[in-house]
Protein backbone atom coordinates (compact mmCIF):
# COMPACT_ATOMS: atom_id res chain seq x y z
CA MET A 1 -41.87 -52.92 40.23
CA LYS A 2 -43.24 -55.46 37.79
CA LEU A 3 -45.47 -57.25 40.31
CA LYS A 4 -48.13 -55.41 42.29
CA ILE A 5 -49.44 -56.72 45.61
CA LYS A 6 -53.17 -57.03 44.96
CA SER A 7 -54.58 -58.86 48.02
CA ILE A 8 -54.27 -61.52 50.69
CA HIS A 9 -57.20 -63.93 50.93
CA SER A 10 -58.24 -66.05 53.93
CA ALA A 11 -55.31 -65.01 56.14
CA GLY A 12 -54.83 -67.48 58.99
CA ASP A 13 -56.62 -70.37 57.23
CA LEU A 14 -53.88 -72.62 55.82
CA SER A 15 -56.27 -74.44 53.49
CA LYS A 16 -57.23 -71.20 51.69
CA GLU A 17 -54.57 -68.61 52.55
CA ARG A 18 -53.02 -67.00 49.47
CA LEU A 19 -51.23 -63.88 48.27
CA VAL A 20 -52.42 -62.46 44.95
CA LEU A 21 -50.05 -60.44 42.78
CA GLU A 22 -50.70 -58.78 39.44
CA ALA A 23 -48.14 -58.37 36.64
CA THR A 24 -47.83 -54.71 35.66
CA GLU A 25 -45.84 -55.68 32.54
CA ASP A 26 -44.65 -58.82 30.75
CA LEU A 27 -41.99 -60.55 32.86
CA ASP A 28 -40.49 -63.76 34.18
CA VAL A 29 -41.66 -64.03 37.80
CA GLY A 30 -38.58 -66.14 38.63
CA SER A 31 -36.68 -62.92 39.25
CA HIS A 32 -38.85 -62.10 42.29
CA VAL A 33 -38.73 -63.16 45.93
CA ILE A 34 -41.58 -62.78 48.42
CA PHE A 35 -40.71 -62.05 52.04
CA ALA A 36 -43.11 -62.42 54.95
CA ALA A 37 -41.28 -60.03 57.25
CA ARG A 38 -42.07 -58.84 60.73
CA ARG A 39 -42.44 -55.13 61.26
CA GLY A 40 -39.33 -53.55 62.74
CA SER A 41 -39.52 -51.04 65.58
CA ALA A 42 -37.94 -48.22 63.55
CA PRO A 43 -39.01 -46.92 60.12
CA HIS A 44 -37.55 -48.87 57.19
CA ARG A 45 -36.29 -51.64 59.51
CA THR A 46 -38.53 -54.36 58.12
CA LEU A 47 -35.82 -56.66 56.72
CA GLN A 48 -33.27 -56.78 59.51
CA GLY A 49 -31.91 -59.88 61.22
CA GLY A 50 -34.52 -62.29 62.56
CA LEU A 51 -37.40 -60.21 61.23
CA VAL A 52 -37.65 -62.26 58.02
CA PRO A 53 -38.94 -65.68 59.09
CA PHE A 54 -40.22 -66.73 55.63
CA CYS A 55 -39.24 -66.14 52.03
CA TYR A 56 -40.33 -67.71 48.75
CA TRP A 57 -38.44 -67.36 45.48
CA LEU A 58 -40.97 -67.64 42.68
CA PRO A 59 -40.18 -70.29 40.06
CA ASP A 60 -39.27 -69.26 36.53
CA LYS A 61 -42.44 -68.56 34.58
CA LYS A 62 -43.13 -65.99 31.87
CA VAL A 63 -46.35 -64.09 32.48
CA ALA A 64 -48.05 -61.24 30.62
CA LYS A 65 -49.16 -57.82 31.81
CA GLY A 66 -52.45 -58.20 33.71
CA ASP A 67 -51.89 -61.86 34.61
CA LEU A 68 -52.37 -62.91 38.24
CA VAL A 69 -49.75 -64.73 40.29
CA VAL A 70 -51.40 -66.55 43.19
CA VAL A 71 -49.14 -67.94 45.92
CA TYR A 72 -50.83 -70.37 48.30
CA THR A 73 -49.17 -70.92 51.66
CA LYS A 74 -50.03 -74.65 51.68
CA SER A 75 -48.63 -77.51 49.60
CA GLY A 76 -49.91 -78.13 46.10
CA SER A 77 -48.99 -78.46 42.44
CA THR A 78 -48.10 -75.54 40.20
CA SER A 79 -50.84 -74.86 37.66
CA SER A 80 -52.50 -72.15 35.59
CA LYS A 81 -56.00 -71.20 34.51
CA GLN A 82 -57.00 -69.18 31.46
CA ASN A 83 -59.54 -66.51 32.42
CA GLU A 84 -61.62 -64.33 30.11
CA SER A 85 -59.03 -61.53 29.90
CA ASN A 86 -55.88 -62.92 31.57
CA THR A 87 -54.23 -66.02 33.02
CA SER A 88 -53.91 -66.95 36.69
CA TYR A 89 -50.77 -68.83 37.74
CA PHE A 90 -50.86 -70.83 40.97
CA PHE A 91 -47.77 -71.52 43.06
CA TYR A 92 -47.44 -73.24 46.46
CA TRP A 93 -45.10 -72.22 49.29
CA ASP A 94 -45.31 -75.66 50.97
CA LEU A 95 -45.56 -74.33 54.53
CA LYS A 96 -47.29 -76.20 57.36
CA ALA A 97 -48.86 -73.16 59.06
CA PRO A 98 -50.37 -69.86 57.89
CA VAL A 99 -47.85 -67.11 57.26
CA TRP A 100 -50.02 -64.00 56.86
CA VAL A 101 -50.75 -62.93 60.42
CA GLU A 102 -51.10 -59.49 62.03
CA ASP A 103 -47.40 -58.74 62.56
CA ARG A 104 -46.34 -59.65 59.00
CA TYR A 105 -45.34 -57.29 56.24
CA VAL A 106 -45.39 -58.38 52.57
CA VAL A 107 -42.22 -57.49 50.67
CA ILE A 108 -41.61 -58.31 46.99
CA LEU A 109 -38.00 -58.00 45.86
CA GLU A 110 -36.89 -58.10 42.24
CA ILE A 111 -33.52 -59.84 42.01
CA GLY A 112 -30.89 -58.66 39.53
CA ASN A 113 -27.52 -60.34 39.48
CA TRP A 114 -26.90 -62.77 42.31
CA THR A 115 -24.64 -65.60 43.33
CA GLY A 116 -25.03 -68.45 45.77
CA ARG A 117 -23.31 -71.64 46.92
CA GLU A 118 -24.09 -74.45 49.29
CA PHE A 119 -22.54 -73.91 52.73
CA SER A 120 -20.64 -77.19 52.43
CA GLU A 121 -19.02 -75.99 49.17
CA ILE A 122 -17.54 -72.83 50.72
CA GLU A 123 -14.03 -72.92 52.14
CA GLN A 124 -14.17 -72.63 55.94
CA ALA A 125 -11.54 -70.47 57.64
CA SER A 126 -10.76 -70.78 61.33
């Protein structure tokens, strides 16, 4: 995995709530999706059915090993800040309520090849 889950800050406080990830190698973060899943009742059942109420596909952005990727739950504008030894990149999920609560499980998924289409563009069979 090229992104490591480092911490969650101010869980439950929408104005400050954020997930902090660290790049373990140079990468484009746009190939990663964050899921705020609910814990399933059986082992390894975290991502089934209605147990994934929120997901956030990170925007395309090249980052270097050691850089921080900070994802705020609230609305805001994408930005970055040069630190002494790395860069912090700030992204915003644009949600109206906190997402990191007791029954949530953080899942980061690296996407390889994928395809997608708008529902209205797909032929409907009866």
